[in-house]
N, C-alpha and C. Protein backbone atom coordinates (compact mmCIF):
# COMPACT_ATOMS: atom_id res chain seq x y z
N MET A 1 -13.28 2.82 3.76
CA MET A 1 -13.95 3.74 2.90
C MET A 1 -13.61 3.44 1.50
N GLY A 2 -14.49 3.62 0.54
CA GLY A 2 -14.21 3.31 -0.79
C GLY A 2 -14.89 4.24 -1.78
N GLY A 3 -14.34 4.34 -2.91
CA GLY A 3 -14.92 5.12 -4.02
C GLY A 3 -15.42 4.20 -5.12
N ALA A 4 -15.49 4.72 -6.27
CA ALA A 4 -16.06 3.89 -7.42
C ALA A 4 -14.97 2.92 -7.95
N ASP A 5 -13.71 3.25 -7.70
CA ASP A 5 -12.65 2.48 -8.31
C ASP A 5 -11.97 1.49 -7.30
N ALA A 6 -11.62 2.01 -6.18
CA ALA A 6 -10.97 1.15 -5.18
C ALA A 6 -11.19 1.80 -3.80
N PRO A 7 -11.06 0.90 -2.72
CA PRO A 7 -11.17 1.40 -1.42
C PRO A 7 -9.93 2.10 -1.04
N TRP A 8 -10.07 2.94 0.04
CA TRP A 8 -8.90 3.67 0.64
C TRP A 8 -8.55 3.04 1.91
N PHE A 9 -7.31 2.93 2.22
CA PHE A 9 -6.72 2.39 3.54
C PHE A 9 -5.85 3.37 4.17
N TRP A 10 -5.95 3.49 5.45
CA TRP A 10 -5.03 4.26 6.28
C TRP A 10 -4.50 3.46 7.35
N ILE A 11 -3.24 3.74 7.81
CA ILE A 11 -2.71 3.22 8.99
C ILE A 11 -2.41 4.49 9.89
N VAL A 12 -2.94 4.54 11.17
CA VAL A 12 -2.80 5.70 11.98
C VAL A 12 -1.94 5.20 13.16
N ARG A 13 -0.89 5.91 13.52
CA ARG A 13 -0.17 5.66 14.77
C ARG A 13 -0.56 6.63 15.79
N SER A 14 -1.06 6.18 17.00
CA SER A 14 -1.51 7.07 18.04
C SER A 14 -0.57 7.26 19.17
N ASN A 15 0.54 6.51 19.13
CA ASN A 15 1.52 6.57 20.24
C ASN A 15 2.92 6.90 19.65
N PRO A 16 3.58 7.89 19.93
CA PRO A 16 3.23 8.94 20.77
C PRO A 16 2.13 9.91 20.24
N ALA A 17 1.31 10.47 21.19
CA ALA A 17 0.23 11.40 20.75
C ALA A 17 0.80 12.64 20.17
N PRO A 18 0.24 13.34 19.29
CA PRO A 18 -1.14 13.14 18.72
C PRO A 18 -1.10 12.05 17.65
N ALA A 19 -2.25 11.56 17.29
CA ALA A 19 -2.38 10.52 16.25
C ALA A 19 -1.85 11.12 14.94
N LYS A 20 -1.21 10.21 14.15
CA LYS A 20 -0.57 10.62 12.85
C LYS A 20 -0.85 9.55 11.80
N VAL A 21 -1.28 9.94 10.65
CA VAL A 21 -1.36 8.98 9.47
C VAL A 21 0.03 8.62 9.00
N ILE A 22 0.43 7.36 9.08
CA ILE A 22 1.75 6.95 8.62
C ILE A 22 1.69 6.20 7.30
N PHE A 23 0.44 5.89 6.82
CA PHE A 23 0.28 5.18 5.54
C PHE A 23 -1.10 5.44 5.02
N PHE A 24 -1.11 5.63 3.71
CA PHE A 24 -2.42 5.87 2.98
C PHE A 24 -2.19 5.19 1.61
N THR A 25 -3.19 4.47 1.15
CA THR A 25 -3.25 3.99 -0.24
C THR A 25 -4.65 3.82 -0.69
N ASN A 26 -4.84 3.90 -1.99
CA ASN A 26 -6.05 3.54 -2.66
C ASN A 26 -5.79 2.32 -3.51
N SER A 27 -6.25 1.16 -3.05
CA SER A 27 -5.97 -0.07 -3.79
C SER A 27 -6.96 -1.12 -3.55
N ASN A 28 -6.94 -2.18 -4.25
CA ASN A 28 -7.85 -3.26 -3.99
C ASN A 28 -7.61 -4.05 -2.66
N GLY A 29 -6.43 -3.81 -2.07
CA GLY A 29 -6.09 -4.46 -0.84
C GLY A 29 -4.56 -4.30 -0.56
N PHE A 30 -4.25 -4.63 0.66
CA PHE A 30 -2.84 -4.60 0.98
C PHE A 30 -2.50 -5.73 2.04
N ARG A 31 -1.18 -6.04 2.15
CA ARG A 31 -0.81 -7.05 3.15
C ARG A 31 0.52 -6.49 3.76
N LEU A 32 0.71 -6.85 5.00
CA LEU A 32 1.95 -6.57 5.66
C LEU A 32 2.91 -7.69 5.46
N GLN A 33 4.09 -7.41 5.13
CA GLN A 33 5.05 -8.40 4.63
C GLN A 33 6.35 -8.18 5.32
N GLY A 34 7.03 -9.24 5.79
CA GLY A 34 8.39 -9.18 6.38
C GLY A 34 9.38 -8.84 5.32
N PRO A 35 10.61 -8.45 5.62
CA PRO A 35 11.17 -8.28 6.90
C PRO A 35 10.86 -6.80 7.40
N LYS A 36 11.03 -6.65 8.69
CA LYS A 36 10.79 -5.32 9.28
C LYS A 36 11.89 -4.39 9.05
N ILE A 37 11.52 -3.12 8.75
CA ILE A 37 12.50 -1.98 8.51
C ILE A 37 12.11 -0.92 9.48
N ASN A 38 13.01 -0.47 10.29
CA ASN A 38 12.81 0.54 11.38
C ASN A 38 11.67 0.03 12.28
N GLY A 39 11.58 -1.30 12.52
CA GLY A 39 10.54 -1.76 13.41
C GLY A 39 9.16 -2.09 12.88
N TYR A 40 8.98 -1.72 11.60
CA TYR A 40 7.70 -1.91 10.88
C TYR A 40 7.84 -2.80 9.67
N PRO A 41 6.77 -3.62 9.34
CA PRO A 41 6.94 -4.48 8.15
C PRO A 41 6.70 -3.65 6.93
N GLU A 42 7.11 -4.29 5.77
CA GLU A 42 6.85 -3.70 4.52
C GLU A 42 5.27 -3.75 4.25
N ILE A 43 4.77 -2.94 3.44
CA ILE A 43 3.39 -3.02 3.02
C ILE A 43 3.31 -3.27 1.52
N TRP A 44 2.65 -4.26 1.10
CA TRP A 44 2.48 -4.50 -0.39
C TRP A 44 1.07 -4.21 -0.68
N SER A 45 0.81 -3.32 -1.68
CA SER A 45 -0.56 -3.04 -2.08
C SER A 45 -0.70 -3.33 -3.51
N GLU A 46 -1.93 -3.68 -3.93
CA GLU A 46 -2.13 -4.06 -5.34
C GLU A 46 -3.48 -3.45 -5.76
N TRP A 47 -3.44 -2.85 -6.99
CA TRP A 47 -4.64 -2.38 -7.66
C TRP A 47 -4.69 -2.96 -9.06
N CYS A 48 -5.81 -3.46 -9.47
CA CYS A 48 -5.94 -4.05 -10.79
C CYS A 48 -7.16 -3.56 -11.50
N SER A 49 -7.06 -3.46 -12.79
CA SER A 49 -8.17 -3.22 -13.71
C SER A 49 -8.20 -4.36 -14.72
N ALA A 50 -9.05 -4.29 -15.66
CA ALA A 50 -9.12 -5.31 -16.66
C ALA A 50 -7.89 -5.36 -17.51
N ALA A 51 -7.16 -4.24 -17.63
CA ALA A 51 -5.95 -4.13 -18.46
C ALA A 51 -4.66 -4.16 -17.74
N LEU A 52 -4.65 -3.83 -16.41
CA LEU A 52 -3.31 -3.54 -15.79
C LEU A 52 -3.44 -3.89 -14.30
N CYS A 53 -2.35 -4.39 -13.78
CA CYS A 53 -2.20 -4.58 -12.38
C CYS A 53 -1.02 -3.70 -11.89
N ILE A 54 -1.10 -3.06 -10.75
CA ILE A 54 0.01 -2.26 -10.24
C ILE A 54 0.30 -2.73 -8.77
N THR A 55 1.49 -3.15 -8.55
CA THR A 55 1.86 -3.59 -7.11
C THR A 55 2.85 -2.55 -6.65
N ARG A 56 2.58 -2.04 -5.45
CA ARG A 56 3.50 -0.98 -4.84
C ARG A 56 3.91 -1.59 -3.47
N ILE A 57 5.21 -1.38 -3.21
CA ILE A 57 5.84 -1.84 -2.02
C ILE A 57 6.30 -0.62 -1.17
N TYR A 58 5.88 -0.48 -0.01
CA TYR A 58 6.18 0.70 0.84
C TYR A 58 7.02 0.21 1.96
N GLN A 59 7.97 1.07 2.45
CA GLN A 59 8.81 0.86 3.61
C GLN A 59 8.73 2.01 4.56
N TYR A 60 8.84 1.69 5.81
CA TYR A 60 8.75 2.72 6.92
C TYR A 60 10.11 3.43 7.02
N ASN A 61 10.08 4.67 7.06
CA ASN A 61 11.35 5.47 7.10
C ASN A 61 11.69 6.09 8.43
N GLY A 62 10.93 5.64 9.42
CA GLY A 62 11.04 6.19 10.82
C GLY A 62 9.99 7.21 11.14
N GLN A 63 9.35 7.77 10.09
CA GLN A 63 8.26 8.69 10.38
C GLN A 63 6.90 8.33 9.67
N ARG A 64 7.10 7.75 8.48
CA ARG A 64 5.89 7.30 7.72
C ARG A 64 6.32 6.30 6.70
N TYR A 65 5.31 5.58 6.03
CA TYR A 65 5.69 4.73 4.95
C TYR A 65 5.87 5.51 3.65
N ILE A 66 6.92 5.19 2.87
CA ILE A 66 7.24 5.80 1.63
C ILE A 66 7.28 4.65 0.53
N LEU A 67 6.98 5.05 -0.70
CA LEU A 67 7.03 4.15 -1.80
C LEU A 67 8.45 3.69 -2.15
N ALA A 68 8.75 2.40 -2.09
CA ALA A 68 10.10 1.93 -2.32
C ALA A 68 10.21 1.26 -3.70
N HIS A 69 9.08 0.61 -4.20
CA HIS A 69 9.17 -0.03 -5.43
C HIS A 69 7.77 -0.03 -6.11
N GLU A 70 7.60 0.06 -7.42
CA GLU A 70 6.32 -0.07 -8.04
C GLU A 70 6.47 -0.86 -9.30
N TYR A 71 5.62 -1.82 -9.49
CA TYR A 71 5.68 -2.77 -10.60
C TYR A 71 4.26 -2.76 -11.44
N HIS A 72 4.35 -2.64 -12.77
CA HIS A 72 3.21 -2.66 -13.64
C HIS A 72 3.19 -3.96 -14.42
N GLU A 73 2.03 -4.57 -14.54
CA GLU A 73 1.89 -5.77 -15.30
C GLU A 73 0.59 -5.64 -16.08
N GLU A 74 0.75 -5.77 -17.36
CA GLU A 74 -0.41 -5.70 -18.30
C GLU A 74 -1.06 -7.10 -18.33
N ASN A 75 -2.47 -7.08 -18.28
CA ASN A 75 -3.27 -8.27 -18.33
C ASN A 75 -3.40 -8.73 -19.74
N GLU A 76 -3.17 -9.87 -20.06
CA GLU A 76 -3.36 -10.41 -21.45
C GLU A 76 -4.84 -10.74 -21.63
N PRO A 77 -5.44 -10.28 -22.71
CA PRO A 77 -6.92 -10.70 -23.07
C PRO A 77 -6.91 -12.16 -23.33
N GLU A 78 -8.03 -12.74 -22.90
CA GLU A 78 -8.22 -14.19 -23.15
C GLU A 78 -8.68 -14.42 -24.52
N PRO A 79 -8.30 -15.46 -25.21
CA PRO A 79 -8.66 -15.74 -26.59
C PRO A 79 -10.10 -16.13 -26.80
């Protein structure tokens, strides 16, 4: 699902029932990255505009993913 700015992503765990959202982000995309923490890989998401890129790293805390690190990088205009 997406909006005007970036798509939205969810990870839903359905075992044990009932189903539960353990991760949500609005970003340009995300990737699962090792090493595993509490049995789940880290998630790296990135959102970029013409002026700025934001990378967020999430780690699983046993119940859901939480934000562990966030990095901002300004994009340099081309000459």
